[in-house]
Amino acid sequence: MAVGSRTGTARIILYGTLTYYRADAQYRAGVGDGTGAAFVEAVSRGWGMPSDWAVQMWAPSMVGDEPFTQWLAKYARQSVSRGAILPLLSAFYAYDLVDVFPAVPVPTLVLQRRDDGLVPVRHGRQIASQIPDARFVELEGVDHLPFVGDAEAVLNEMQDFLVGSRTPIPRQRRLVTLVFTNIADSRPKAVDLGDDVWREVLAAHDRDVRIHLTRFGGEEVKHLGNGVLAVFDGPARAIRCALGIVDASEQKGLSVRVGVHTGECEMVEADVRGIAVQVGARIAELAAPGQILVSSTVRDLVAGSGIRFGEGRDVELAGMPGTPGSSRSSATAPAPTPSAARRSNRPTSSAATASTGLLATGAWWSPCATPRGFVTSGASSPTPAASSTSST
């Protein structure tokens, strides 16, 4: 890519470029005649046809991705016909720019991915050594196509070279509902049951959790000791999934704490980060065995879903930003049916709780319900030492 001005080319950017394809005594970065001829024949024979071989050559990180394989074949057909590719590759194979690069009079950026199999990195180093005012940047990656893999790194180097600075890349953020689960009193249970039995219990519990995540459209982010962190697109599904997990766990003699919060999170590869994650984790810590605690954000978002909450109170979340004196509200929850009460070993109550959000100083005690939506309160809710609670 050449960047021009009124007087001519001002800067040049080269990416994955060859200077001379064939190797000889003066240019050892090239390849032998036999290798080049075989390459030209193979490419021309399969040009425009979907194949893992073509993907392996142009973008190895995408091997096995069927949509990309089909796209690459279409891209090849639309760019050059099969009849024209052979003479084009033959001309390409005859390139000889060894005498051109030393005469380049403008600043030049040479970009090359370290493990590019189509154009080995030695070509970039050779070119940069020949251009008087060249800057060589070796990037991580295996793909020859610059828009596959870490394309942002390529763009960052270009922007830095052209304008002298880089624009901060906005991080990917999503509004998600976070669900934290944790088996209560796991250590005493493990001691009582022994390692082998406890391992089987945990495996069965994990299967139940994943079954419910699949059923309600949740995505497991990571395993947290004796629990999981999962994300959902909607809070109602998250709560119903949590109800199912609590009920399934009780049938296996386990009590699970659950915390639910909705907020915008930073998506980092397969993980989630941000204040919302910390709030969700703190809410889960406040839950009593067998309880589900949700934030007031969640409570407000599920209005009209049939999920109901009872009286709540504020509890300070240590280290979380908040505004004292924030508004509080409550809702009435139905009492459980006799059958629902019998399924639970906990005392029943018509009072359930929901947590406040970031504008509040704490969390409301959440619903602990059966899969039918009836609410049971569980054991008495623990009050943190540093709390300022008030009922509504």
Protein backbone atom coordinates (compact mmCIF):
# COMPACT_ATOMS: atom_id res chain seq x y z
CA MET A 1 0.00 0.00 0.00
CA ALA A 2 1.38 3.37 -1.02
CA VAL A 3 0.25 6.56 0.70
CA GLY A 4 0.41 9.45 -1.74
CA SER A 5 0.60 13.23 -1.59
CA ARG A 6 0.45 16.02 -4.17
CA THR A 7 4.10 15.54 -4.95
CA GLY A 8 3.96 11.74 -5.15
CA THR A 9 4.20 8.76 -2.82
CA ALA A 10 4.96 9.78 0.76
CA ARG A 11 5.03 6.40 2.52
CA ILE A 12 4.81 2.73 1.61
CA ILE A 13 3.44 -0.20 3.58
CA LEU A 14 4.34 -3.74 2.56
CA TYR A 15 2.63 -6.78 4.06
CA GLY A 16 3.61 -10.39 3.36
CA THR A 17 5.61 -9.31 0.32
CA LEU A 18 8.07 -11.21 -1.83
CA THR A 19 11.08 -9.60 -3.44
CA TYR A 20 12.37 -12.56 -5.40
CA TYR A 21 10.70 -15.95 -5.35
CA ARG A 22 13.55 -18.17 -6.50
CA ALA A 23 16.56 -18.85 -4.35
CA ASP A 24 20.07 -18.31 -5.69
CA ALA A 25 23.52 -17.42 -4.41
CA GLN A 26 22.59 -13.76 -3.87
CA TYR A 27 19.07 -14.28 -2.56
CA ARG A 28 18.76 -17.23 -0.25
CA ALA A 29 15.31 -16.34 1.06
CA GLY A 30 13.59 -17.80 -2.02
CA VAL A 31 12.65 -21.36 -2.83
CA GLY A 32 13.99 -23.86 -5.32
CA ASP A 33 12.62 -24.22 -8.84
CA GLY A 34 11.06 -27.61 -8.09
CA THR A 35 9.17 -26.33 -5.07
CA GLY A 36 7.88 -23.29 -6.93
CA ALA A 37 6.70 -25.28 -9.95
CA ALA A 38 4.86 -27.78 -7.76
CA PHE A 39 3.21 -24.95 -5.86
CA VAL A 40 1.99 -23.22 -9.03
CA GLU A 41 0.59 -26.47 -10.40
CA ALA A 42 -1.21 -27.38 -7.19
CA VAL A 43 -2.78 -23.94 -6.77
CA SER A 44 -3.96 -23.71 -10.37
CA ARG A 45 -5.44 -27.20 -10.31
CA GLY A 46 -7.60 -26.60 -7.24
CA TRP A 47 -8.27 -22.89 -7.71
CA GLY A 48 -11.74 -21.82 -6.58
CA MET A 49 -12.62 -25.19 -5.06
CA PRO A 50 -13.35 -25.57 -1.33
CA SER A 51 -10.46 -27.42 0.26
CA ASP A 52 -8.62 -27.60 3.56
CA TRP A 53 -5.39 -27.37 1.57
CA ALA A 54 -6.25 -23.86 0.35
CA VAL A 55 -7.26 -22.76 3.86
CA GLN A 56 -4.06 -24.23 5.30
CA MET A 57 -2.08 -22.16 2.81
CA TRP A 58 -3.86 -18.82 3.25
CA ALA A 59 -5.26 -18.95 6.80
CA PRO A 60 -4.19 -22.00 8.84
CA SER A 61 -6.05 -20.82 11.93
CA MET A 62 -9.33 -21.26 10.05
CA VAL A 63 -8.83 -24.90 9.06
CA GLY A 64 -12.03 -26.81 9.83
CA ASP A 65 -14.22 -23.71 9.63
CA GLU A 66 -16.67 -24.71 6.88
CA PRO A 67 -18.20 -21.23 6.28
CA PHE A 68 -14.71 -19.74 5.89
CA THR A 69 -13.67 -22.58 3.57
CA GLN A 70 -16.66 -21.86 1.32
CA TRP A 71 -16.01 -18.12 1.47
CA LEU A 72 -12.35 -18.53 0.50
CA ALA A 73 -13.29 -20.64 -2.53
CA LYS A 74 -15.82 -18.02 -3.65
CA TYR A 75 -13.29 -15.25 -3.06
CA ALA A 76 -10.79 -17.07 -5.28
CA ARG A 77 -13.32 -17.60 -8.10
CA GLN A 78 -14.46 -13.99 -8.05
CA SER A 79 -10.93 -12.57 -8.03
CA VAL A 80 -9.30 -14.61 -10.79
CA SER A 81 -10.75 -17.26 -13.07
CA ARG A 82 -9.28 -20.74 -13.13
CA GLY A 83 -8.07 -20.17 -16.68
CA ALA A 84 -6.21 -16.98 -15.72
CA ILE A 85 -4.60 -18.15 -12.51
CA LEU A 86 -1.83 -20.22 -14.10
CA PRO A 87 -0.27 -17.37 -16.16
CA LEU A 88 -0.73 -15.02 -13.21
CA LEU A 89 1.13 -17.35 -10.86
CA SER A 90 3.83 -17.92 -13.46
CA ALA A 91 4.39 -14.16 -13.71
CA PHE A 92 4.35 -13.95 -9.93
CA TYR A 93 6.99 -16.66 -9.77
CA ALA A 94 9.17 -14.60 -12.10
CA TYR A 95 9.17 -11.49 -9.89
CA ASP A 96 12.57 -9.94 -9.46
CA LEU A 97 12.52 -6.75 -7.36
CA VAL A 98 15.95 -7.13 -5.84
CA ASP A 99 17.21 -4.01 -7.64
CA VAL A 100 14.04 -1.99 -6.95
CA PHE A 101 13.94 -1.93 -3.17
CA PRO A 102 17.31 -0.21 -2.63
CA ALA A 103 15.99 2.69 -4.72
CA VAL A 104 12.87 3.32 -2.62
CA PRO A 105 13.22 6.94 -1.41
CA VAL A 106 10.39 7.15 1.15
CA PRO A 107 9.81 5.71 4.61
CA THR A 108 8.52 2.13 4.35
CA LEU A 109 6.83 -0.17 6.83
CA VAL A 110 7.40 -3.89 6.25
CA LEU A 111 4.93 -6.14 8.07
CA GLN A 112 5.29 -9.89 8.28
CA ARG A 113 3.71 -12.56 10.43
CA ARG A 114 6.30 -14.76 12.07
CA ASP A 115 4.79 -18.14 11.14
CA ASP A 116 3.29 -17.24 7.76
CA GLY A 117 3.67 -20.44 5.72
CA LEU A 118 2.85 -18.87 2.35
CA VAL A 119 5.42 -16.07 2.55
CA PRO A 120 8.05 -16.98 5.15
CA VAL A 121 9.21 -14.23 7.49
CA ARG A 122 12.72 -14.31 5.98
CA HIS A 123 11.33 -12.49 2.92
CA GLY A 124 10.21 -9.56 5.05
CA ARG A 125 13.55 -9.35 6.77
CA GLN A 126 15.32 -9.41 3.38
CA ILE A 127 13.14 -6.61 2.01
CA ALA A 128 13.58 -4.43 5.09
CA SER A 129 17.35 -4.83 4.88
CA GLN A 130 17.34 -3.57 1.29
CA ILE A 131 15.19 -0.45 1.70
CA PRO A 132 17.19 2.50 3.11
CA ASP A 133 14.43 3.92 5.33
CA ALA A 134 12.49 0.81 6.27
CA ARG A 135 11.00 -0.33 9.54
CA PHE A 136 10.44 -4.05 9.90
CA VAL A 137 7.74 -5.31 12.27
CA GLU A 138 7.41 -9.02 12.92
CA LEU A 139 3.90 -9.88 14.09
CA GLU A 140 2.59 -12.95 15.86
CA GLY A 141 0.45 -15.25 13.77
CA VAL A 142 0.28 -18.00 11.16
CA ASP A 143 -2.20 -16.52 8.68
CA HIS A 144 -1.15 -14.85 5.46
CA LEU A 145 -4.43 -12.98 5.02
CA PRO A 146 -4.09 -9.82 7.13
CA PHE A 147 -7.78 -9.72 8.10
CA VAL A 148 -7.64 -13.22 9.62
CA GLY A 149 -6.13 -13.71 13.05
CA ASP A 150 -5.04 -10.62 14.95
CA ALA A 151 -6.06 -8.03 12.36
CA GLU A 152 -6.04 -5.29 15.01
CA ALA A 153 -2.28 -5.70 15.42
CA VAL A 154 -1.81 -5.13 11.68
CA LEU A 155 -4.02 -2.03 11.73
CA ASN A 156 -2.31 -0.67 14.83
CA GLU A 157 1.10 -0.80 13.18
CA MET A 158 -0.26 0.87 10.06
CA GLN A 159 -1.93 3.64 12.02
CA ASP A 160 1.16 4.24 14.11
CA PHE A 161 3.30 4.43 10.98
CA LEU A 162 0.96 6.80 9.11
CA VAL A 163 -0.27 9.17 11.81
CA GLY A 164 2.23 8.63 14.62
CA SER A 165 -0.22 7.36 17.22
CA ARG A 166 -2.65 4.58 17.90
CA THR A 167 -6.32 4.98 18.70
CA PRO A 168 -7.22 2.96 21.79
CA ILE A 169 -9.12 -0.12 20.67
CA PRO A 170 -12.53 -0.26 22.31
CA ARG A 171 -12.89 -3.48 24.21
CA GLN A 172 -15.75 -5.78 23.42
CA ARG A 173 -18.48 -5.41 26.01
CA ARG A 174 -21.81 -7.20 26.34
CA LEU A 175 -24.83 -6.82 28.55
CA VAL A 176 -25.25 -10.25 30.16
CA THR A 177 -26.85 -11.87 33.16
CA LEU A 178 -24.28 -13.54 35.39
CA VAL A 179 -25.05 -16.62 37.47
CA PHE A 180 -22.64 -17.76 40.18
CA THR A 181 -23.21 -21.13 41.86
CA ASN A 182 -21.36 -22.73 44.74
CA ILE A 183 -21.97 -25.86 46.80
CA ALA A 184 -22.37 -24.92 50.44
CA ASP A 185 -20.49 -26.83 53.16
CA SER A 186 -18.56 -28.76 50.53
CA ARG A 187 -15.52 -29.41 52.69
CA PRO A 188 -17.31 -31.28 55.51
CA LYS A 189 -19.25 -33.29 52.93
CA ALA A 190 -16.05 -34.25 51.14
CA VAL A 191 -14.52 -35.41 54.43
CA ASP A 192 -17.60 -37.45 55.31
CA LEU A 193 -17.94 -39.10 51.91
CA GLY A 194 -14.29 -39.59 51.04
CA ASP A 195 -12.46 -38.48 47.90
CA ASP A 196 -13.79 -41.13 45.51
CA VAL A 197 -17.46 -40.75 46.41
CA TRP A 198 -17.20 -36.96 46.57
CA ARG A 199 -15.65 -36.91 43.11
CA GLU A 200 -18.62 -38.86 41.76
CA VAL A 201 -21.05 -36.53 43.52
CA LEU A 202 -19.36 -33.49 42.00
CA ALA A 203 -19.38 -35.06 38.54
CA ALA A 204 -23.12 -35.77 38.82
CA HIS A 205 -23.74 -32.22 40.06
CA ASP A 206 -21.74 -30.74 37.17
CA ARG A 207 -23.80 -32.79 34.73
CA ASP A 208 -27.02 -31.44 36.25
CA VAL A 209 -25.72 -27.88 36.03
CA ARG A 210 -24.77 -28.26 32.37
CA ILE A 211 -28.09 -29.88 31.52
CA HIS A 212 -29.90 -26.88 32.96
CA LEU A 213 -27.56 -24.42 31.26
CA THR A 214 -28.30 -26.07 27.93
CA ARG A 215 -32.02 -26.13 28.61
CA PHE A 216 -32.22 -22.43 29.47
CA GLY A 217 -29.67 -21.13 26.96
CA GLY A 218 -26.86 -20.43 29.40
CA GLU A 219 -23.17 -20.48 28.57
CA GLU A 220 -20.66 -21.83 31.05
CA VAL A 221 -17.75 -19.42 31.38
CA LYS A 222 -15.60 -21.31 33.84
CA HIS A 223 -15.61 -23.75 36.71
CA LEU A 224 -15.10 -22.17 40.12
CA GLY A 225 -14.04 -24.85 42.58
CA ASN A 226 -17.38 -26.38 43.56
CA GLY A 227 -19.47 -24.11 41.37
CA VAL A 228 -19.66 -22.39 38.01
CA LEU A 229 -19.91 -18.95 36.47
CA ALA A 230 -22.38 -18.83 33.59
CA VAL A 231 -23.83 -16.06 31.43
CA PHE A 232 -27.30 -15.67 29.93
CA ASP A 233 -28.83 -13.29 27.42
CA GLY A 234 -31.82 -12.72 29.67
CA PRO A 235 -32.33 -12.60 33.46
CA ALA A 236 -35.62 -14.55 33.53
CA ARG A 237 -33.99 -17.59 31.94
CA ALA A 238 -31.08 -17.22 34.34
CA ILE A 239 -33.36 -17.29 37.39
CA ARG A 240 -35.34 -20.28 36.11
CA CYS A 241 -32.10 -22.10 35.41
CA ALA A 242 -30.91 -21.33 38.94
CA LEU A 243 -34.18 -22.67 40.36
CA GLY A 244 -33.68 -25.91 38.47
CA ILE A 245 -30.08 -26.23 39.63
CA VAL A 246 -31.05 -25.68 43.28
CA ASP A 247 -33.85 -28.23 43.07
CA ALA A 248 -31.67 -30.85 41.31
CA SER A 249 -28.93 -30.33 43.87
CA GLU A 250 -31.32 -30.81 46.77
CA GLN A 251 -32.39 -34.15 45.34
CA LYS A 252 -28.75 -35.24 45.58
CA GLY A 253 -28.41 -33.96 49.13
CA LEU A 254 -26.49 -30.79 48.18
CA SER A 255 -27.24 -27.18 49.06
CA VAL A 256 -26.20 -24.62 46.47
CA ARG A 257 -25.74 -20.88 46.85
CA VAL A 258 -26.62 -18.85 43.76
CA GLY A 259 -26.06 -15.18 42.94
CA VAL A 260 -27.59 -13.50 39.88
CA HIS A 261 -26.77 -10.06 38.51
CA THR A 262 -27.15 -8.29 35.17
CA GLY A 263 -24.57 -5.82 33.93
CA GLU A 264 -22.25 -4.88 31.12
CA CYS A 265 -19.11 -7.02 31.09
CA GLU A 266 -15.87 -6.97 29.21
CA MET A 267 -15.53 -10.09 27.07
CA VAL A 268 -11.91 -11.30 27.14
CA GLU A 269 -11.51 -14.41 25.00
CA ALA A 270 -13.55 -17.03 26.89
CA ASP A 271 -13.78 -15.04 30.12
CA VAL A 272 -15.84 -12.12 31.44
CA ARG A 273 -14.53 -9.25 33.53
CA GLY A 274 -15.73 -6.03 35.08
CA ILE A 275 -17.51 -4.54 38.06
CA ALA A 276 -20.66 -6.53 37.25
CA VAL A 277 -18.73 -9.77 37.72
CA GLN A 278 -17.51 -8.64 41.14
CA VAL A 279 -21.03 -7.64 42.18
CA GLY A 280 -22.43 -11.00 41.10
CA ALA A 281 -19.74 -12.85 43.02
CA ARG A 282 -20.39 -10.82 46.18
CA ILE A 283 -24.13 -11.45 45.96
CA ALA A 284 -23.48 -15.20 45.69
CA GLU A 285 -21.27 -15.02 48.80
CA LEU A 286 -24.17 -13.49 50.74
CA ALA A 287 -26.55 -16.30 49.86
CA ALA A 288 -27.40 -18.88 52.50
CA PRO A 289 -27.26 -22.58 51.55
CA GLY A 290 -30.08 -23.30 49.14
CA GLN A 291 -30.76 -19.62 48.39
CA ILE A 292 -30.80 -17.67 45.14
CA LEU A 293 -29.98 -13.98 45.51
CA VAL A 294 -30.56 -11.55 42.68
CA SER A 295 -29.75 -7.88 42.22
CA SER A 296 -32.41 -5.20 41.97
CA THR A 297 -31.31 -4.77 38.37
CA VAL A 298 -32.42 -8.34 37.73
CA ARG A 299 -35.61 -7.83 39.73
CA ASP A 300 -36.59 -4.81 37.64
CA LEU A 301 -35.73 -6.50 34.32
CA VAL A 302 -37.93 -9.55 34.92
CA ALA A 303 -41.07 -7.51 35.63
CA GLY A 304 -43.96 -9.21 33.85
CA SER A 305 -42.19 -12.58 33.61
CA GLY A 306 -44.19 -14.19 36.42
CA ILE A 307 -41.18 -14.30 38.73
CA ARG A 308 -42.10 -12.46 41.90
CA PHE A 309 -40.08 -11.18 44.83
CA GLY A 310 -40.98 -10.38 48.41
CA GLU A 311 -39.66 -7.93 50.91
CA GLY A 312 -36.01 -6.99 50.65
CA ARG A 313 -33.36 -5.12 52.54
CA ASP A 314 -30.09 -3.38 51.79
CA VAL A 315 -26.81 -5.09 52.64
CA GLU A 316 -23.49 -3.39 52.03
CA LEU A 317 -21.21 -5.06 49.48
CA ALA A 318 -17.73 -4.31 50.76
CA GLY A 319 -15.53 -2.63 48.19
CA MET A 320 -18.36 -2.05 45.71
CA PRO A 321 -19.20 1.48 44.56
CA GLY A 322 -22.62 2.62 45.72
CA THR A 323 -24.77 5.54 46.73
CA PRO A 324 -26.17 5.56 50.29
CA GLY A 325 -29.86 6.16 50.59
CA SER A 326 -30.77 4.70 47.23
CA SER A 327 -34.38 3.83 46.57
CA ARG A 328 -35.77 0.48 47.65
CA SER A 329 -38.84 -1.39 46.56
CA SER A 330 -40.50 -4.69 47.32
CA ALA A 331 -42.87 -7.19 45.81
CA THR A 332 -45.06 -9.87 47.28
CA ALA A 333 -44.26 -13.49 46.58
CA PRO A 334 -46.78 -16.33 46.83
CA ALA A 335 -46.38 -18.94 49.53
CA PRO A 336 -45.29 -22.38 48.35
CA THR A 337 -47.73 -25.19 47.88
CA PRO A 338 -47.61 -28.07 50.38
CA SER A 339 -45.92 -30.29 47.78
CA ALA A 340 -43.28 -27.66 47.14
CA ALA A 341 -42.70 -27.26 50.84
CA ARG A 342 -42.27 -30.98 51.33
CA ARG A 343 -39.60 -31.13 48.64
CA SER A 344 -37.56 -28.63 50.58
CA ASN A 345 -35.98 -29.36 53.93
CA ARG A 346 -35.92 -25.66 54.69
CA PRO A 347 -38.55 -23.61 56.53
CA THR A 348 -40.99 -21.99 54.13
CA SER A 349 -42.00 -18.37 54.03
CA SER A 350 -43.83 -15.97 51.77
CA ALA A 351 -40.97 -13.51 51.97
CA ALA A 352 -38.33 -13.57 49.26
CA THR A 353 -35.63 -11.09 48.47
CA ALA A 354 -33.97 -9.31 45.61
CA SER A 355 -30.75 -7.34 45.64
CA THR A 356 -30.10 -3.72 44.94
CA GLY A 357 -27.88 -2.70 42.07
CA LEU A 358 -24.75 -0.59 41.85
CA LEU A 359 -26.58 2.54 42.95
CA ALA A 360 -27.39 0.85 46.22
CA THR A 361 -25.12 -0.13 49.03
CA GLY A 362 -25.96 -3.78 49.10
CA ALA A 363 -28.02 -6.75 48.09
CA TRP A 364 -31.59 -7.79 48.71
CA TRP A 365 -32.26 -11.35 49.78
CA SER A 366 -33.53 -13.19 46.75
CA PRO A 367 -36.11 -15.80 45.87
CA CYS A 368 -35.44 -19.37 46.76
CA ALA A 369 -38.09 -21.15 44.76
CA THR A 370 -39.06 -24.49 43.41
CA PRO A 371 -39.18 -25.02 39.62
CA ARG A 372 -42.89 -24.17 39.74
CA GLY A 373 -42.02 -20.65 40.82
CA PHE A 374 -43.16 -20.89 44.43
CA VAL A 375 -40.93 -19.19 46.90
CA THR A 376 -39.27 -20.66 49.96
CA SER A 377 -36.98 -18.64 52.15
CA GLY A 378 -34.45 -21.22 53.29
CA ALA A 379 -32.39 -20.77 56.41
CA SER A 380 -32.35 -17.39 58.04
CA SER A 381 -30.34 -14.95 56.00
CA PRO A 382 -26.92 -14.13 57.42
CA THR A 383 -26.27 -10.45 58.02
CA PRO A 384 -22.73 -9.28 57.16
CA ALA A 385 -20.84 -7.59 59.96
CA ALA A 386 -20.41 -4.40 57.98
CA SER A 387 -23.99 -3.92 56.87
CA SER A 388 -26.61 -1.30 57.02
CA THR A 389 -29.88 -3.10 56.55
CA SER A 390 -33.34 -1.71 56.33
CA SER A 391 -36.58 -3.36 55.39
CA THR A 392 -38.96 -1.86 52.93
